[in-house]
PDB file of N, CA and C in Angstrom:
ATOM      1  N   MET A   1      46.786 -46.641  -5.578  1.00  0.00           N
ATOM      2  CA  MET A   1      46.812 -45.220  -5.424  1.00  0.00           C
ATOM      3  C   MET A   1      45.400 -44.680  -5.704  1.00  0.00           C
ATOM      4  N   GLY A   2      44.905 -43.854  -4.799  1.00  0.00           N
ATOM      5  CA  GLY A   2      43.569 -43.273  -4.961  1.00  0.00           C
ATOM      6  C   GLY A   2      43.627 -41.957  -5.737  1.00  0.00           C
ATOM      7  N   TYR A   3      42.483 -41.536  -6.194  1.00  0.00           N
ATOM      8  CA  TYR A   3      42.424 -40.257  -6.891  1.00  0.00           C
ATOM      9  C   TYR A   3      41.148 -39.525  -6.476  1.00  0.00           C
ATOM     10  N   ARG A   4      41.113 -38.274  -6.761  1.00  0.00           N
ATOM     11  CA  ARG A   4      39.972 -37.444  -6.390  1.00  0.00           C
ATOM     12  C   ARG A   4      39.653 -36.516  -7.561  1.00  0.00           C
ATOM     13  N   VAL A   5      38.351 -36.397  -7.883  1.00  0.00           N
ATOM     14  CA  VAL A   5      37.911 -35.526  -8.961  1.00  0.00           C
ATOM     15  C   VAL A   5      37.344 -34.260  -8.331  1.00  0.00           C
ATOM     16  N   GLU A   6      37.861 -33.132  -8.752  1.00  0.00           N
ATOM     17  CA  GLU A   6      37.351 -31.859  -8.258  1.00  0.00           C
ATOM     18  C   GLU A   6      36.730 -31.109  -9.441  1.00  0.00           C
ATOM     19  N   TYR A   7      35.501 -30.703  -9.248  1.00  0.00           N
ATOM     20  CA  TYR A   7      34.789 -29.976 -10.290  1.00  0.00           C
ATOM     21  C   TYR A   7      34.950 -28.483 -10.072  1.00  0.00           C
ATOM     22  N   ASP A   8      34.795 -27.745 -11.158  1.00  0.00           N
ATOM     23  CA  ASP A   8      34.948 -26.292 -11.105  1.00  0.00           C
ATOM     24  C   ASP A   8      33.848 -25.682 -10.240  1.00  0.00           C
ATOM     25  N   ARG A   9      34.254 -25.010  -9.192  1.00  0.00           N
ATOM     26  CA  ARG A   9      33.306 -24.350  -8.316  1.00  0.00           C
ATOM     27  C   ARG A   9      33.280 -22.845  -8.589  1.00  0.00           C
ATOM     28  N   GLY A  10      33.918 -22.427  -9.661  1.00  0.00           N
ATOM     29  CA  GLY A  10      34.007 -21.010  -9.997  1.00  0.00           C
ATOM     30  C   GLY A  10      32.663 -20.380 -10.289  1.00  0.00           C
ATOM     31  N   ARG A  11      31.770 -21.115 -10.936  1.00  0.00           N
ATOM     32  CA  ARG A  11      30.450 -20.571 -11.261  1.00  0.00           C
ATOM     33  C   ARG A  11      29.673 -20.240 -10.003  1.00  0.00           C
ATOM     34  N   GLN A  12      29.697 -21.124  -9.050  1.00  0.00           N
ATOM     35  CA  GLN A  12      28.960 -20.895  -7.808  1.00  0.00           C
ATOM     36  C   GLN A  12      29.518 -19.671  -7.077  1.00  0.00           C
ATOM     37  N   LYS A  13      30.832 -19.545  -7.051  1.00  0.00           N
ATOM     38  CA  LYS A  13      31.443 -18.395  -6.382  1.00  0.00           C
ATOM     39  C   LYS A  13      31.109 -17.097  -7.104  1.00  0.00           C
ATOM     40  N   ARG A  14      31.065 -17.132  -8.448  1.00  0.00           N
ATOM     41  CA  ARG A  14      30.718 -15.926  -9.206  1.00  0.00           C
ATOM     42  C   ARG A  14      29.287 -15.501  -8.918  1.00  0.00           C
ATOM     43  N   ARG A  15      28.372 -16.457  -8.828  1.00  0.00           N
ATOM     44  CA  ARG A  15      26.975 -16.134  -8.531  1.00  0.00           C
ATOM     45  C   ARG A  15      26.851 -15.521  -7.145  1.00  0.00           C
ATOM     46  N   GLN A  16      27.575 -16.069  -6.176  1.00  0.00           N
ATOM     47  CA  GLN A  16      27.537 -15.514  -4.830  1.00  0.00           C
ATOM     48  C   GLN A  16      28.120 -14.105  -4.837  1.00  0.00           C
ATOM     49  N   GLY A  17      29.163 -13.886  -5.587  1.00  0.00           N
ATOM     50  CA  GLY A  17      29.787 -12.571  -5.671  1.00  0.00           C
ATOM     51  C   GLY A  17      28.855 -11.535  -6.276  1.00  0.00           C
ATOM     52  N   ARG A  18      28.111 -11.913  -7.306  1.00  0.00           N
ATOM     53  CA  ARG A  18      27.153 -10.999  -7.934  1.00  0.00           C
ATOM     54  C   ARG A  18      26.040 -10.643  -6.966  1.00  0.00           C
ATOM     55  N   GLY A  19      25.561 -11.625  -6.222  1.00  0.00           N
ATOM     56  CA  GLY A  19      24.504 -11.368  -5.243  1.00  0.00           C
ATOM     57  C   GLY A  19      24.970 -10.415  -4.154  1.00  0.00           C
ATOM     58  N   ARG A  20      26.176 -10.632  -3.691  1.00  0.00           N
ATOM     59  CA  ARG A  20      26.732  -9.744  -2.668  1.00  0.00           C
ATOM     60  C   ARG A  20      26.927  -8.342  -3.207  1.00  0.00           C
ATOM     61  N   LEU A  21      27.393  -8.238  -4.449  1.00  0.00           N
ATOM     62  CA  LEU A  21      27.589  -6.935  -5.066  1.00  0.00           C
ATOM     63  C   LEU A  21      26.259  -6.203  -5.208  1.00  0.00           C
ATOM     64  N   LEU A  22      25.223  -6.904  -5.593  1.00  0.00           N
ATOM     65  CA  LEU A  22      23.899  -6.305  -5.733  1.00  0.00           C
ATOM     66  C   LEU A  22      23.385  -5.802  -4.391  1.00  0.00           C
ATOM     67  N   VAL A  23      23.534  -6.607  -3.348  1.00  0.00           N
ATOM     68  CA  VAL A  23      23.087  -6.205  -2.015  1.00  0.00           C
ATOM     69  C   VAL A  23      23.895  -5.013  -1.519  1.00  0.00           C
ATOM     70  N   LEU A  24      25.201  -5.041  -1.727  1.00  0.00           N
ATOM     71  CA  LEU A  24      26.046  -3.937  -1.300  1.00  0.00           C
ATOM     72  C   LEU A  24      25.699  -2.652  -2.053  1.00  0.00           C
ATOM     73  N   THR A  25      25.455  -2.750  -3.353  1.00  0.00           N
ATOM     74  CA  THR A  25      25.075  -1.585  -4.147  1.00  0.00           C
ATOM     75  C   THR A  25      23.752  -1.005  -3.663  1.00  0.00           C
ATOM     76  N   ALA A  26      22.776  -1.867  -3.402  1.00  0.00           N
ATOM     77  CA  ALA A  26      21.476  -1.399  -2.902  1.00  0.00           C
ATOM     78  C   ALA A  26      21.630  -0.732  -1.538  1.00  0.00           C
ATOM     79  N   ALA A  27      22.472  -1.288  -0.670  1.00  0.00           N
ATOM     80  CA  ALA A  27      22.671  -0.705   0.657  1.00  0.00           C
ATOM     81  C   ALA A  27      23.335   0.664   0.569  1.00  0.00           C
ATOM     82  N   VAL A  28      24.331   0.801  -0.299  1.00  0.00           N
ATOM     83  CA  VAL A  28      24.999   2.092  -0.470  1.00  0.00           C
ATOM     84  C   VAL A  28      24.036   3.119  -1.050  1.00  0.00           C
ATOM     85  N   PHE A  29      23.233   2.723  -2.019  1.00  0.00           N
ATOM     86  CA  PHE A  29      22.263   3.639  -2.615  1.00  0.00           C
ATOM     87  C   PHE A  29      21.213   4.068  -1.593  1.00  0.00           C
ATOM     88  N   LEU A  30      20.741   3.139  -0.784  1.00  0.00           N
ATOM     89  CA  LEU A  30      19.781   3.472   0.268  1.00  0.00           C
ATOM     90  C   LEU A  30      20.399   4.437   1.277  1.00  0.00           C
ATOM     91  N   GLY A  31      21.648   4.189   1.651  1.00  0.00           N
ATOM     92  CA  GLY A  31      22.342   5.100   2.559  1.00  0.00           C
ATOM     93  C   GLY A  31      22.477   6.488   1.955  1.00  0.00           C
ATOM     94  N   PHE A  32      22.793   6.555   0.660  1.00  0.00           N
ATOM     95  CA  PHE A  32      22.881   7.843  -0.035  1.00  0.00           C
ATOM     96  C   PHE A  32      21.552   8.576   0.014  1.00  0.00           C
ATOM     97  N   LEU A  33      20.464   7.860  -0.282  1.00  0.00           N
ATOM     98  CA  LEU A  33      19.144   8.494  -0.259  1.00  0.00           C
ATOM     99  C   LEU A  33      18.787   9.002   1.130  1.00  0.00           C
ATOM    100  N   LEU A  34      19.100   8.222   2.153  1.00  0.00           N
ATOM    101  CA  LEU A  34      18.814   8.651   3.523  1.00  0.00           C
ATOM    102  C   LEU A  34      19.629   9.883   3.912  1.00  0.00           C
ATOM    103  N   LEU A  35      20.896   9.916   3.538  1.00  0.00           N
ATOM    104  CA  LEU A  35      21.734  11.079   3.844  1.00  0.00           C
ATOM    105  C   LEU A  35      21.251  12.328   3.109  1.00  0.00           C
ATOM    106  N   VAL A  36      20.924  12.189   1.835  1.00  0.00           N
ATOM    107  CA  VAL A  36      20.426  13.335   1.076  1.00  0.00           C
ATOM    108  C   VAL A  36      19.117  13.826   1.671  1.00  0.00           C
ATOM    109  N   ASN A  37      18.241  12.903   2.006  1.00  0.00           N
ATOM    110  CA  ASN A  37      16.940  13.273   2.558  1.00  0.00           C
ATOM    111  C   ASN A  37      17.086  13.987   3.891  1.00  0.00           C
ATOM    112  N   GLY A  38      18.013  13.556   4.718  1.00  0.00           N
ATOM    113  CA  GLY A  38      18.148  14.133   6.039  1.00  0.00           C
ATOM    114  C   GLY A  38      19.033  15.350   6.124  1.00  0.00           C
ATOM    115  N   LEU A  39      20.035  15.464   5.253  1.00  0.00           N
ATOM    116  CA  LEU A  39      21.034  16.508   5.426  1.00  0.00           C
ATOM    117  C   LEU A  39      21.101  17.565   4.326  1.00  0.00           C
ATOM    118  N   TRP A  40      20.430  17.348   3.228  1.00  0.00           N
ATOM    119  CA  TRP A  40      20.553  18.267   2.103  1.00  0.00           C
ATOM    120  C   TRP A  40      19.180  18.566   1.511  1.00  0.00           C
ATOM    121  N   PRO A  41      18.475  19.577   2.028  1.00  0.00           N
ATOM    122  CA  PRO A  41      17.101  19.871   1.572  1.00  0.00           C
ATOM    123  C   PRO A  41      17.000  20.134   0.067  1.00  0.00           C
ATOM    124  N   ARG A  42      17.967  20.845  -0.497  1.00  0.00           N
ATOM    125  CA  ARG A  42      17.913  21.127  -1.929  1.00  0.00           C
ATOM    126  C   ARG A  42      18.092  19.845  -2.752  1.00  0.00           C
ATOM    127  N   GLY A  43      18.946  18.957  -2.272  1.00  0.00           N
ATOM    128  CA  GLY A  43      19.123  17.667  -2.938  1.00  0.00           C
ATOM    129  C   GLY A  43      17.878  16.814  -2.832  1.00  0.00           C
ATOM    130  N   ARG A  44      17.205  16.891  -1.675  1.00  0.00           N
ATOM    131  CA  ARG A  44      15.950  16.145  -1.499  1.00  0.00           C
ATOM    132  C   ARG A  44      14.912  16.601  -2.515  1.00  0.00           C
ATOM    133  N   GLU A  45      14.807  17.925  -2.713  1.00  0.00           N
ATOM    134  CA  GLU A  45      13.846  18.450  -3.689  1.00  0.00           C
ATOM    135  C   GLU A  45      14.194  17.979  -5.107  1.00  0.00           C
ATOM    136  N   THR A  46      15.472  17.944  -5.416  1.00  0.00           N
ATOM    137  CA  THR A  46      15.901  17.488  -6.736  1.00  0.00           C
ATOM    138  C   THR A  46      15.566  16.012  -6.936  1.00  0.00           C
ATOM    139  N   LEU A  47      15.841  15.190  -5.929  1.00  0.00           N
ATOM    140  CA  LEU A  47      15.510  13.765  -6.032  1.00  0.00           C
ATOM    141  C   LEU A  47      14.010  13.544  -6.160  1.00  0.00           C
ATOM    142  N   GLN A  48      13.223  14.318  -5.419  1.00  0.00           N
ATOM    143  CA  GLN A  48      11.769  14.197  -5.520  1.00  0.00           C
ATOM    144  C   GLN A  48      11.283  14.588  -6.906  1.00  0.00           C
ATOM    145  N   ALA A  49      11.904  15.613  -7.492  1.00  0.00           N
ATOM    146  CA  ALA A  49      11.526  16.026  -8.843  1.00  0.00           C
ATOM    147  C   ALA A  49      11.873  14.948  -9.867  1.00  0.00           C
ATOM    148  N   ILE A  50      12.965  14.215  -9.627  1.00  0.00           N
ATOM    149  CA  ILE A  50      13.361  13.141 -10.544  1.00  0.00           C
ATOM    150  C   ILE A  50      12.442  11.937 -10.398  1.00  0.00           C
ATOM    151  N   VAL A  51      12.183  11.552  -9.152  1.00  0.00           N
ATOM    152  CA  VAL A  51      11.373  10.358  -8.900  1.00  0.00           C
ATOM    153  C   VAL A  51       9.898  10.613  -9.171  1.00  0.00           C
ATOM    154  N   PHE A  52       9.406  11.776  -8.795  1.00  0.00           N
ATOM    155  CA  PHE A  52       7.996  12.130  -8.985  1.00  0.00           C
ATOM    156  C   PHE A  52       7.904  13.354  -9.891  1.00  0.00           C
ATOM    157  N   PRO A  53       7.999  13.158 -11.207  1.00  0.00           N
ATOM    158  CA  PRO A  53       8.024  14.293 -12.126  1.00  0.00           C
ATOM    159  C   PRO A  53       6.652  14.945 -12.265  1.00  0.00           C
ATOM    160  N   GLY A  54       6.661  16.175 -12.768  1.00  0.00           N
ATOM    161  CA  GLY A  54       5.415  16.868 -13.048  1.00  0.00           C
ATOM    162  C   GLY A  54       4.724  17.358 -11.792  1.00  0.00           C
ATOM    163  N   ASP A  55       3.425  17.522 -11.914  1.00  0.00           N
ATOM    164  CA  ASP A  55       2.604  18.002 -10.810  1.00  0.00           C
ATOM    165  C   ASP A  55       2.525  16.928  -9.730  1.00  0.00           C
ATOM    166  N   ARG A  56       2.877  17.303  -8.521  1.00  0.00           N
ATOM    167  CA  ARG A  56       2.905  16.315  -7.429  1.00  0.00           C
ATOM    168  C   ARG A  56       1.521  15.766  -7.111  1.00  0.00           C
ATOM    169  N   ALA A  57       0.493  16.584  -7.271  1.00  0.00           N
ATOM    170  CA  ALA A  57      -0.872  16.109  -6.995  1.00  0.00           C
ATOM    171  C   ALA A  57      -1.273  15.027  -7.997  1.00  0.00           C
ATOM    172  N   VAL A  58      -0.928  15.231  -9.269  1.00  0.00           N
ATOM    173  CA  VAL A  58      -1.237  14.240 -10.302  1.00  0.00           C
ATOM    174  C   VAL A  58      -0.455  12.960 -10.037  1.00  0.00           C
ATOM    175  N   THR A  59       0.817  13.101  -9.689  1.00  0.00           N
ATOM    176  CA  THR A  59       1.646  11.931  -9.405  1.00  0.00           C
ATOM    177  C   THR A  59       1.117  11.171  -8.199  1.00  0.00           C
ATOM    178  N   ALA A  60       0.713  11.889  -7.159  1.00  0.00           N
ATOM    179  CA  ALA A  60       0.172  11.231  -5.965  1.00  0.00           C
ATOM    180  C   ALA A  60      -1.119  10.492  -6.289  1.00  0.00           C
ATOM    181  N   ALA A  61      -1.977  11.107  -7.107  1.00  0.00           N
ATOM    182  CA  ALA A  61      -3.228  10.444  -7.493  1.00  0.00           C
ATOM    183  C   ALA A  61      -2.944   9.202  -8.336  1.00  0.00           C
ATOM    184  N   ALA A  62      -1.985   9.305  -9.248  1.00  0.00           N
ATOM    185  CA  ALA A  62      -1.627   8.152 -10.086  1.00  0.00           C
ATOM    186  C   ALA A  62      -1.028   7.047  -9.231  1.00  0.00           C
ATOM    187  N   TRP A  63      -0.248   7.418  -8.225  1.00  0.00           N
ATOM    188  CA  TRP A  63       0.344   6.432  -7.311  1.00  0.00           C
ATOM    189  C   TRP A  63      -0.756   5.698  -6.533  1.00  0.00           C
ATOM    190  N   GLU A  64      -1.729   6.451  -6.027  1.00  0.00           N
ATOM    191  CA  GLU A  64      -2.837   5.830  -5.292  1.00  0.00           C
ATOM    192  C   GLU A  64      -3.631   4.889  -6.186  1.00  0.00           C
ATOM    193  N   GLU A  65      -3.843   5.307  -7.440  1.00  0.00           N
ATOM    194  CA  GLU A  65      -4.557   4.458  -8.387  1.00  0.00           C
ATOM    195  C   GLU A  65      -3.778   3.174  -8.672  1.00  0.00           C
ATOM    196  N   MET A  66      -2.462   3.301  -8.813  1.00  0.00           N
ATOM    197  CA  MET A  66      -1.637   2.122  -9.068  1.00  0.00           C
ATOM    198  C   MET A  66      -1.681   1.152  -7.882  1.00  0.00           C
ATOM    199  N   THR A  67      -1.581   1.674  -6.663  1.00  0.00           N
ATOM    200  CA  THR A  67      -1.622   0.779  -5.504  1.00  0.00           C
ATOM    201  C   THR A  67      -2.979   0.109  -5.377  1.00  0.00           C
ATOM    202  N   ALA A  68      -4.042   0.831  -5.722  1.00  0.00           N
ATOM    203  CA  ALA A  68      -5.376   0.221  -5.687  1.00  0.00           C
ATOM    204  C   ALA A  68      -5.483  -0.909  -6.708  1.00  0.00           C
ATOM    205  N   LYS A  69      -4.930  -0.692  -7.899  1.00  0.00           N
ATOM    206  CA  LYS A  69      -4.947  -1.735  -8.928  1.00  0.00           C
ATOM    207  C   LYS A  69      -4.144  -2.955  -8.482  1.00  0.00           C
ATOM    208  N   LEU A  70      -3.004  -2.718  -7.859  1.00  0.00           N
ATOM    209  CA  LEU A  70      -2.188  -3.837  -7.377  1.00  0.00           C
ATOM    210  C   LEU A  70      -2.914  -4.619  -6.288  1.00  0.00           C
ATOM    211  N   GLN A  71      -3.585  -3.906  -5.389  1.00  0.00           N
ATOM    212  CA  GLN A  71      -4.339  -4.582  -4.327  1.00  0.00           C
ATOM    213  C   GLN A  71      -5.510  -5.363  -4.895  1.00  0.00           C
ATOM    214  N   ALA A  72      -6.050  -4.903  -6.036  1.00  0.00           N
ATOM    215  CA  ALA A  72      -7.156  -5.609  -6.682  1.00  0.00           C
ATOM    216  C   ALA A  72      -6.678  -6.824  -7.463  1.00  0.00           C
ATOM    217  N   GLY A  73      -5.354  -6.996  -7.581  1.00  0.00           N
ATOM    218  CA  GLY A  73      -4.816  -8.179  -8.235  1.00  0.00           C
ATOM    219  C   GLY A  73      -4.342  -7.969  -9.650  1.00  0.00           C
ATOM    220  N   GLU A  74      -4.291  -6.742 -10.104  1.00  0.00           N
ATOM    221  CA  GLU A  74      -3.800  -6.472 -11.456  1.00  0.00           C
ATOM    222  C   GLU A  74      -2.290  -6.716 -11.506  1.00  0.00           C
ATOM    223  N   PRO A  75      -1.776  -7.218 -12.616  1.00  0.00           N
ATOM    224  CA  PRO A  75      -0.333  -7.459 -12.721  1.00  0.00           C
ATOM    225  C   PRO A  75       0.472  -6.167 -12.550  1.00  0.00           C
ATOM    226  N   VAL A  76       1.671  -6.303 -12.009  1.00  0.00           N
ATOM    227  CA  VAL A  76       2.527  -5.151 -11.720  1.00  0.00           C
ATOM    228  C   VAL A  76       2.833  -4.377 -12.999  1.00  0.00           C
ATOM    229  N   GLY A  77       3.128  -5.072 -14.076  1.00  0.00           N
ATOM    230  CA  GLY A  77       3.487  -4.406 -15.329  1.00  0.00           C
ATOM    231  C   GLY A  77       2.393  -3.505 -15.859  1.00  0.00           C
ATOM    232  N   SER A  78       1.159  -3.986 -15.879  1.00  0.00           N
ATOM    233  CA  SER A  78       0.076  -3.161 -16.419  1.00  0.00           C
ATOM    234  C   SER A  78      -0.281  -2.017 -15.474  1.00  0.00           C
ATOM    235  N   ALA A  79      -0.200  -2.259 -14.163  1.00  0.00           N
ATOM    236  CA  ALA A  79      -0.471  -1.183 -13.203  1.00  0.00           C
ATOM    237  C   ALA A  79       0.583  -0.091 -13.317  1.00  0.00           C
ATOM    238  N   PHE A  80       1.858  -0.487 -13.465  1.00  0.00           N
ATOM    239  CA  PHE A  80       2.942   0.498 -13.605  1.00  0.00           C
ATOM    240  C   PHE A  80       2.830   1.245 -14.926  1.00  0.00           C
ATOM    241  N   GLU A  81       2.429   0.542 -15.970  1.00  0.00           N
ATOM    242  CA  GLU A  81       2.243   1.205 -17.268  1.00  0.00           C
ATOM    243  C   GLU A  81       1.153   2.265 -17.181  1.00  0.00           C
ATOM    244  N   ALA A  82       0.047   1.951 -16.527  1.00  0.00           N
ATOM    245  CA  ALA A  82      -1.027   2.928 -16.358  1.00  0.00           C
ATOM    246  C   ALA A  82      -0.557   4.122 -15.540  1.00  0.00           C
ATOM    247  N   PHE A  83       0.265   3.870 -14.522  1.00  0.00           N
ATOM    248  CA  PHE A  83       0.833   4.938 -13.702  1.00  0.00           C
ATOM    249  C   PHE A  83       1.668   5.876 -14.560  1.00  0.00           C
ATOM    250  N   CYS A  84       2.543   5.316 -15.367  1.00  0.00           N
ATOM    251  CA  CYS A  84       3.411   6.134 -16.226  1.00  0.00           C
ATOM    252  C   CYS A  84       2.599   6.905 -17.265  1.00  0.00           C
ATOM    253  N   ARG A  85       1.607   6.247 -17.860  1.00  0.00           N
ATOM    254  CA  ARG A  85       0.784   6.920 -18.863  1.00  0.00           C
ATOM    255  C   ARG A  85       0.008   8.093 -18.255  1.00  0.00           C
ATOM    256  N   GLU A  86      -0.481   7.925 -17.047  1.00  0.00           N
ATOM    257  CA  GLU A  86      -1.206   8.997 -16.366  1.00  0.00           C
ATOM    258  C   GLU A  86      -0.306  10.221 -16.167  1.00  0.00           C
ATOM    259  N   ILE A  87       0.915   9.994 -15.732  1.00  0.00           N
ATOM    260  CA  ILE A  87       1.851  11.098 -15.521  1.00  0.00           C
ATOM    261  C   ILE A  87       2.205  11.758 -16.847  1.00  0.00           C
ATOM    262  N   ILE A  88       2.465  10.974 -17.865  1.00  0.00           N
ATOM    263  CA  ILE A  88       2.835  11.530 -19.177  1.00  0.00           C
ATOM    264  C   ILE A  88       1.673  12.301 -19.776  1.00  0.00           C
ATOM    265  N   ASP A  89       0.448  11.782 -19.655  1.00  0.00           N
ATOM    266  CA  ASP A  89      -0.722  12.480 -20.200  1.00  0.00           C
ATOM    267  C   ASP A  89      -0.893  13.855 -19.568  1.00  0.00           C
ATOM    268  N   HIS A  90      -0.698  13.955 -18.262  1.00  0.00           N
ATOM    269  CA  HIS A  90      -0.871  15.240 -17.575  1.00  0.00           C
ATOM    270  C   HIS A  90       0.325  16.168 -17.763  1.00  0.00           C
ATOM    271  N   ALA A  91       1.450  15.626 -18.189  1.00  0.00           N
ATOM    272  CA  ALA A  91       2.617  16.460 -18.437  1.00  0.00           C
ATOM    273  C   ALA A  91       2.612  17.048 -19.844  1.00  0.00           C
ATOM    274  N   GLY A  92       1.684  16.571 -20.673  1.00  0.00           N
ATOM    275  CA  GLY A  92       1.617  17.059 -22.043  1.00  0.00           C
ATOM    276  C   GLY A  92       2.710  16.488 -22.916  1.00  0.00           C
ATOM    277  N   LEU A  93       3.252  15.334 -22.552  1.00  0.00           N
ATOM    278  CA  LEU A  93       4.336  14.720 -23.310  1.00  0.00           C
ATOM    279  C   LEU A  93       3.857  13.629 -24.248  1.00  0.00           C
ATOM    280  N   SER A  94       2.584  13.290 -24.203  1.00  0.00           N
ATOM    281  CA  SER A  94       2.102  12.179 -25.034  1.00  0.00           C
ATOM    282  C   SER A  94       2.023  12.611 -26.491  1.00  0.00           C
ATOM    283  N   SER A  95       2.218  11.642 -27.363  1.00  0.00           N
ATOM    284  CA  SER A  95       2.166  11.918 -28.802  1.00  0.00           C
ATOM    285  C   SER A  95       0.706  11.923 -29.254  1.00  0.00           C
ATOM    286  N   PRO A  96       0.390  12.663 -30.317  1.00  0.00           N
ATOM    287  CA  PRO A  96      -1.005  12.758 -30.781  1.00  0.00           C
ATOM    288  C   PRO A  96      -1.561  11.480 -31.315  1.00  0.00           C
TER     289      PRO A  96
END
C-alpha cells in the first residue's frame, strides 16, 4: 500500500491573499482619488490641502529639492526627511 505526504500549503495561500488584498486596496484608493479629482472640485481642494500642507509654493519648492536630491543619489529616507523638515519649518510648527 502506498502513501502520500501532503504539506501545509496554507501559508503560501495566505501570502497570495495578502498580496491580492494590497493590490485591490491600492486600486480602489486610486479610483477614489481619480473620481474625487475629476468630479468633486471641493474634495480635490481638500485632498490637495491634506497631501500638500501649508503654502503651496513652499511645498512645490521642497518637492523639487527632494526630487533633485533623489536624482543625485541621496537615499529616499533622508531626502523625504529634508522635504518634511522644509515644510514644517515654513509652517512655523518646528520646536525651538
